[in-house]
Amino acid sequence: EEKCIECGQCAMDCPAHAISKIESGKYRIDESLCIKCGICYTVCPVKVVYKVSGARAG
């Protein structure tokens, strides 16, 4: 979250709609909705999204 450049690509590409913008302007993953597909990690230009155990590499 600290290095997020607020591009929103992760939220736009998330098939589960598990990523939303928070008050600070950054994006946060709702792990209860996350399907661990790895798309957010793949599309993040600064690779600030980390892969969760069991996630595929997009």
PDB file of N, CA and C in Angstrom:
ATOM      1  N   GLU A   1       0.821  -1.197   0.000  1.00  0.00           N
ATOM      2  CA  GLU A   1       0.000   0.000   0.000  1.00  0.00           C
ATOM      3  C   GLU A   1       0.861   1.256   0.000  1.00  0.00           C
ATOM      4  N   GLU A   2       2.045   1.223   0.634  1.00  0.00           N
ATOM      5  CA  GLU A   2       2.873   2.414   0.742  1.00  0.00           C
ATOM      6  C   GLU A   2       3.403   2.900  -0.599  1.00  0.00           C
ATOM      7  N   LYS A   3       3.703   1.996  -1.534  1.00  0.00           N
ATOM      8  CA  LYS A   3       4.271   2.376  -2.817  1.00  0.00           C
ATOM      9  C   LYS A   3       3.222   2.489  -3.916  1.00  0.00           C
ATOM     10  N   CYS A   4       1.973   2.310  -3.579  1.00  0.00           N
ATOM     11  CA  CYS A   4       0.888   2.366  -4.558  1.00  0.00           C
ATOM     12  C   CYS A   4       0.891   3.724  -5.256  1.00  0.00           C
ATOM     13  N   ILE A   5       0.824   3.705  -6.590  1.00  0.00           N
ATOM     14  CA  ILE A   5       0.790   4.952  -7.356  1.00  0.00           C
ATOM     15  C   ILE A   5      -0.640   5.355  -7.727  1.00  0.00           C
ATOM     16  N   GLU A   6      -1.608   4.634  -7.176  1.00  0.00           N
ATOM     17  CA  GLU A   6      -3.026   4.960  -7.326  1.00  0.00           C
ATOM     18  C   GLU A   6      -3.518   4.929  -8.769  1.00  0.00           C
ATOM     19  N   CYS A   7      -2.958   4.025  -9.571  1.00  0.00           N
ATOM     20  CA  CYS A   7      -3.382   3.947 -10.973  1.00  0.00           C
ATOM     21  C   CYS A   7      -4.735   3.262 -11.119  1.00  0.00           C
ATOM     22  N   GLY A   8      -5.092   2.384 -10.176  1.00  0.00           N
ATOM     23  CA  GLY A   8      -6.381   1.714 -10.210  1.00  0.00           C
ATOM     24  C   GLY A   8      -6.468   0.507 -11.128  1.00  0.00           C
ATOM     25  N   GLN A   9      -5.359   0.143 -11.769  1.00  0.00           N
ATOM     26  CA  GLN A   9      -5.387  -0.985 -12.699  1.00  0.00           C
ATOM     27  C   GLN A   9      -5.804  -2.276 -12.002  1.00  0.00           C
ATOM     28  N   CYS A  10      -5.351  -2.479 -10.783  1.00  0.00           N
ATOM     29  CA  CYS A  10      -5.701  -3.696 -10.044  1.00  0.00           C
ATOM     30  C   CYS A  10      -7.210  -3.800  -9.850  1.00  0.00           C
ATOM     31  N   ALA A  11      -7.839  -2.698  -9.457  1.00  0.00           N
ATOM     32  CA  ALA A  11      -9.284  -2.695  -9.227  1.00  0.00           C
ATOM     33  C   ALA A  11     -10.060  -2.881 -10.528  1.00  0.00           C
ATOM     34  N   MET A  12      -9.576  -2.267 -11.604  1.00  0.00           N
ATOM     35  CA  MET A  12     -10.263  -2.389 -12.893  1.00  0.00           C
ATOM     36  C   MET A  12     -10.221  -3.817 -13.428  1.00  0.00           C
ATOM     37  N   ASP A  13      -9.125  -4.513 -13.177  1.00  0.00           N
ATOM     38  CA  ASP A  13      -8.947  -5.852 -13.749  1.00  0.00           C
ATOM     39  C   ASP A  13      -9.386  -6.991 -12.837  1.00  0.00           C
ATOM     40  N   CYS A  14      -9.724  -6.704 -11.596  1.00  0.00           N
ATOM     41  CA  CYS A  14     -10.096  -7.761 -10.650  1.00  0.00           C
ATOM     42  C   CYS A  14     -11.442  -8.380 -11.032  1.00  0.00           C
ATOM     43  N   PRO A  15     -11.457  -9.674 -11.395  1.00  0.00           N
ATOM     44  CA  PRO A  15     -12.714 -10.303 -11.799  1.00  0.00           C
ATOM     45  C   PRO A  15     -13.692 -10.511 -10.643  1.00  0.00           C
ATOM     46  N   ALA A  16     -13.193 -10.492  -9.410  1.00  0.00           N
ATOM     47  CA  ALA A  16     -14.046 -10.710  -8.239  1.00  0.00           C
ATOM     48  C   ALA A  16     -14.508  -9.396  -7.604  1.00  0.00           C
ATOM     49  N   HIS A  17     -14.061  -8.267  -8.160  1.00  0.00           N
ATOM     50  CA  HIS A  17     -14.392  -6.943  -7.611  1.00  0.00           C
ATOM     51  C   HIS A  17     -14.011  -6.868  -6.130  1.00  0.00           C
ATOM     52  N   ALA A  18     -12.843  -7.430  -5.812  1.00  0.00           N
ATOM     53  CA  ALA A  18     -12.382  -7.496  -4.428  1.00  0.00           C
ATOM     54  C   ALA A  18     -11.487  -6.321  -4.045  1.00  0.00           C
ATOM     55  N   ILE A  19     -11.219  -5.421  -4.982  1.00  0.00           N
ATOM     56  CA  ILE A  19     -10.305  -4.314  -4.717  1.00  0.00           C
ATOM     57  C   ILE A  19     -11.065  -3.004  -4.818  1.00  0.00           C
ATOM     58  N   SER A  20     -10.926  -2.190  -3.787  1.00  0.00           N
ATOM     59  CA  SER A  20     -11.617  -0.904  -3.791  1.00  0.00           C
ATOM     60  C   SER A  20     -10.691   0.188  -3.277  1.00  0.00           C
ATOM     61  N   LYS A  21     -11.016   1.410  -3.652  1.00  0.00           N
ATOM     62  CA  LYS A  21     -10.240   2.571  -3.224  1.00  0.00           C
ATOM     63  C   LYS A  21     -10.634   2.917  -1.796  1.00  0.00           C
ATOM     64  N   ILE A  22      -9.642   3.176  -0.955  1.00  0.00           N
ATOM     65  CA  ILE A  22      -9.916   3.556   0.426  1.00  0.00           C
ATOM     66  C   ILE A  22      -9.725   5.063   0.594  1.00  0.00           C
ATOM     67  N   GLU A  23     -10.024   5.548   1.768  1.00  0.00           N
ATOM     68  CA  GLU A  23     -10.020   6.984   2.036  1.00  0.00           C
ATOM     69  C   GLU A  23      -8.709   7.680   1.684  1.00  0.00           C
ATOM     70  N   SER A  24      -7.585   7.001   1.863  1.00  0.00           N
ATOM     71  CA  SER A  24      -6.278   7.597   1.581  1.00  0.00           C
ATOM     72  C   SER A  24      -6.010   7.740   0.088  1.00  0.00           C
ATOM     73  N   GLY A  25      -6.869   7.146  -0.742  1.00  0.00           N
ATOM     74  CA  GLY A  25      -6.662   7.184  -2.183  1.00  0.00           C
ATOM     75  C   GLY A  25      -5.987   5.938  -2.716  1.00  0.00           C
ATOM     76  N   LYS A  26      -5.501   5.107  -1.826  1.00  0.00           N
ATOM     77  CA  LYS A  26      -4.862   3.847  -2.207  1.00  0.00           C
ATOM     78  C   LYS A  26      -5.946   2.793  -2.416  1.00  0.00           C
ATOM     79  N   TYR A  27      -5.518   1.595  -2.787  1.00  0.00           N
ATOM     80  CA  TYR A  27      -6.456   0.501  -3.026  1.00  0.00           C
ATOM     81  C   TYR A  27      -6.209  -0.619  -2.037  1.00  0.00           C
ATOM     82  N   ARG A  28      -7.282  -1.269  -1.634  1.00  0.00           N
ATOM     83  CA  ARG A  28      -7.179  -2.354  -0.662  1.00  0.00           C
ATOM     84  C   ARG A  28      -7.941  -3.566  -1.177  1.00  0.00           C
ATOM     85  N   ILE A  29      -7.374  -4.754  -0.920  1.00  0.00           N
ATOM     86  CA  ILE A  29      -8.002  -6.011  -1.318  1.00  0.00           C
ATOM     87  C   ILE A  29      -8.854  -6.530  -0.170  1.00  0.00           C
ATOM     88  N   ASP A  30     -10.105  -6.822  -0.455  1.00  0.00           N
ATOM     89  CA  ASP A  30     -10.989  -7.471   0.512  1.00  0.00           C
ATOM     90  C   ASP A  30     -10.738  -8.968   0.375  1.00  0.00           C
ATOM     91  N   GLU A  31      -9.982  -9.519   1.298  1.00  0.00           N
ATOM     92  CA  GLU A  31      -9.574 -10.919   1.198  1.00  0.00           C
ATOM     93  C   GLU A  31     -10.746 -11.891   1.267  1.00  0.00           C
ATOM     94  N   SER A  32     -11.892 -11.445   1.779  1.00  0.00           N
ATOM     95  CA  SER A  32     -13.054 -12.336   1.813  1.00  0.00           C
ATOM     96  C   SER A  32     -13.679 -12.490   0.421  1.00  0.00           C
ATOM     97  N   LEU A  33     -13.389 -11.556  -0.479  1.00  0.00           N
ATOM     98  CA  LEU A  33     -13.894 -11.625  -1.853  1.00  0.00           C
ATOM     99  C   LEU A  33     -12.844 -12.122  -2.844  1.00  0.00           C
ATOM    100  N   CYS A  34     -11.584 -12.011  -2.462  1.00  0.00           N
ATOM    101  CA  CYS A  34     -10.466 -12.366  -3.345  1.00  0.00           C
ATOM    102  C   CYS A  34     -10.511 -13.847  -3.731  1.00  0.00           C
ATOM    103  N   ILE A  35     -10.363 -14.121  -5.038  1.00  0.00           N
ATOM    104  CA  ILE A  35     -10.357 -15.503  -5.519  1.00  0.00           C
ATOM    105  C   ILE A  35      -8.936 -15.998  -5.806  1.00  0.00           C
ATOM    106  N   LYS A  36      -7.948 -15.188  -5.430  1.00  0.00           N
ATOM    107  CA  LYS A  36      -6.530 -15.542  -5.549  1.00  0.00           C
ATOM    108  C   LYS A  36      -6.114 -15.905  -6.979  1.00  0.00           C
ATOM    109  N   CYS A  37      -6.612 -15.138  -7.933  1.00  0.00           N
ATOM    110  CA  CYS A  37      -6.288 -15.412  -9.336  1.00  0.00           C
ATOM    111  C   CYS A  37      -4.928 -14.854  -9.739  1.00  0.00           C
ATOM    112  N   GLY A  38      -4.421 -13.849  -9.003  1.00  0.00           N
ATOM    113  CA  GLY A  38      -3.114 -13.275  -9.291  1.00  0.00           C
ATOM    114  C   GLY A  38      -3.117 -12.171 -10.336  1.00  0.00           C
ATOM    115  N   ILE A  39      -4.281 -11.814 -10.842  1.00  0.00           N
ATOM    116  CA  ILE A  39      -4.340 -10.776 -11.869  1.00  0.00           C
ATOM    117  C   ILE A  39      -3.847  -9.434 -11.329  1.00  0.00           C
ATOM    118  N   CYS A  40      -4.200  -9.095 -10.119  1.00  0.00           N
ATOM    119  CA  CYS A  40      -3.774  -7.812  -9.541  1.00  0.00           C
ATOM    120  C   CYS A  40      -2.253  -7.721  -9.478  1.00  0.00           C
ATOM    121  N   TYR A  41      -1.611  -8.811  -9.109  1.00  0.00           N
ATOM    122  CA  TYR A  41      -0.150  -8.856  -9.053  1.00  0.00           C
ATOM    123  C   TYR A  41       0.436  -8.671 -10.452  1.00  0.00           C
ATOM    124  N   THR A  42      -0.168  -9.323 -11.421  1.00  0.00           N
ATOM    125  CA  THR A  42       0.333  -9.269 -12.793  1.00  0.00           C
ATOM    126  C   THR A  42       0.215  -7.874 -13.395  1.00  0.00           C
ATOM    127  N   VAL A  43      -0.885  -7.168 -13.146  1.00  0.00           N
ATOM    128  CA  VAL A  43      -1.111  -5.866 -13.777  1.00  0.00           C
ATOM    129  C   VAL A  43      -0.528  -4.688 -13.001  1.00  0.00           C
ATOM    130  N   CYS A  44      -0.121  -4.880 -11.768  1.00  0.00           N
ATOM    131  CA  CYS A  44       0.410  -3.772 -10.960  1.00  0.00           C
ATOM    132  C   CYS A  44       1.753  -3.303 -11.531  1.00  0.00           C
ATOM    133  N   PRO A  45       1.842  -2.051 -11.997  1.00  0.00           N
ATOM    134  CA  PRO A  45       3.081  -1.578 -12.613  1.00  0.00           C
ATOM    135  C   PRO A  45       4.243  -1.429 -11.635  1.00  0.00           C
ATOM    136  N   VAL A  46       3.958  -1.293 -10.351  1.00  0.00           N
ATOM    137  CA  VAL A  46       5.031  -1.154  -9.362  1.00  0.00           C
ATOM    138  C   VAL A  46       5.150  -2.385  -8.470  1.00  0.00           C
ATOM    139  N   LYS A  47       4.379  -3.419  -8.784  1.00  0.00           N
ATOM    140  CA  LYS A  47       4.416  -4.704  -8.066  1.00  0.00           C
ATOM    141  C   LYS A  47       4.277  -4.534  -6.558  1.00  0.00           C
ATOM    142  N   VAL A  48       3.409  -3.603  -6.151  1.00  0.00           N
ATOM    143  CA  VAL A  48       3.159  -3.398  -4.732  1.00  0.00           C
ATOM    144  C   VAL A  48       2.181  -4.442  -4.195  1.00  0.00           C
ATOM    145  N   VAL A  49       1.410  -5.047  -5.093  1.00  0.00           N
ATOM    146  CA  VAL A  49       0.492  -6.113  -4.692  1.00  0.00           C
ATOM    147  C   VAL A  49       1.324  -7.369  -4.483  1.00  0.00           C
ATOM    148  N   TYR A  50       1.124  -8.019  -3.361  1.00  0.00           N
ATOM    149  CA  TYR A  50       1.879  -9.240  -3.097  1.00  0.00           C
ATOM    150  C   TYR A  50       0.995 -10.444  -3.343  1.00  0.00           C
ATOM    151  N   LYS A  51       1.621 -11.525  -3.769  1.00  0.00           N
ATOM    152  CA  LYS A  51       0.862 -12.741  -4.036  1.00  0.00           C
ATOM    153  C   LYS A  51       0.510 -13.424  -2.728  1.00  0.00           C
ATOM    154  N   VAL A  52      -0.740 -13.807  -2.604  1.00  0.00           N
ATOM    155  CA  VAL A  52      -1.234 -14.511  -1.430  1.00  0.00           C
ATOM    156  C   VAL A  52      -0.988 -15.993  -1.642  1.00  0.00           C
ATOM    157  N   SER A  53      -0.734 -16.701  -0.586  1.00  0.00           N
ATOM    158  CA  SER A  53      -0.519 -18.139  -0.678  1.00  0.00           C
ATOM    159  C   SER A  53      -1.654 -18.791  -1.458  1.00  0.00           C
ATOM    160  N   GLY A  54      -1.289 -19.582  -2.440  1.00  0.00           N
ATOM    161  CA  GLY A  54      -2.277 -20.266  -3.260  1.00  0.00           C
ATOM    162  C   GLY A  54      -2.657 -19.503  -4.514  1.00  0.00           C
ATOM    163  N   ALA A  55      -2.134 -18.290  -4.672  1.00  0.00           N
ATOM    164  CA  ALA A  55      -2.468 -17.490  -5.847  1.00  0.00           C
ATOM    165  C   ALA A  55      -1.703 -17.976  -7.068  1.00  0.00           C
ATOM    166  N   ARG A  56      -2.379 -17.921  -8.199  1.00  0.00           N
ATOM    167  CA  ARG A  56      -1.724 -18.232  -9.463  1.00  0.00           C
ATOM    168  C   ARG A  56      -1.048 -16.961  -9.956  1.00  0.00           C
ATOM    169  N   ALA A  57      -0.084 -17.088 -10.798  1.00  0.00           N
ATOM    170  CA  ALA A  57       0.661 -15.927 -11.290  1.00  0.00           C
ATOM    171  C   ALA A  57       0.013 -15.285 -12.510  1.00  0.00           C
ATOM    172  N   GLY A  58      -1.295 -15.248 -12.563  1.00  0.00           N
ATOM    173  CA  GLY A  58      -2.010 -14.562 -13.626  1.00  0.00           C
ATOM    174  C   GLY A  58      -1.835 -15.237 -14.930  1.00  0.00           C
TER     175      GLY A  58
END
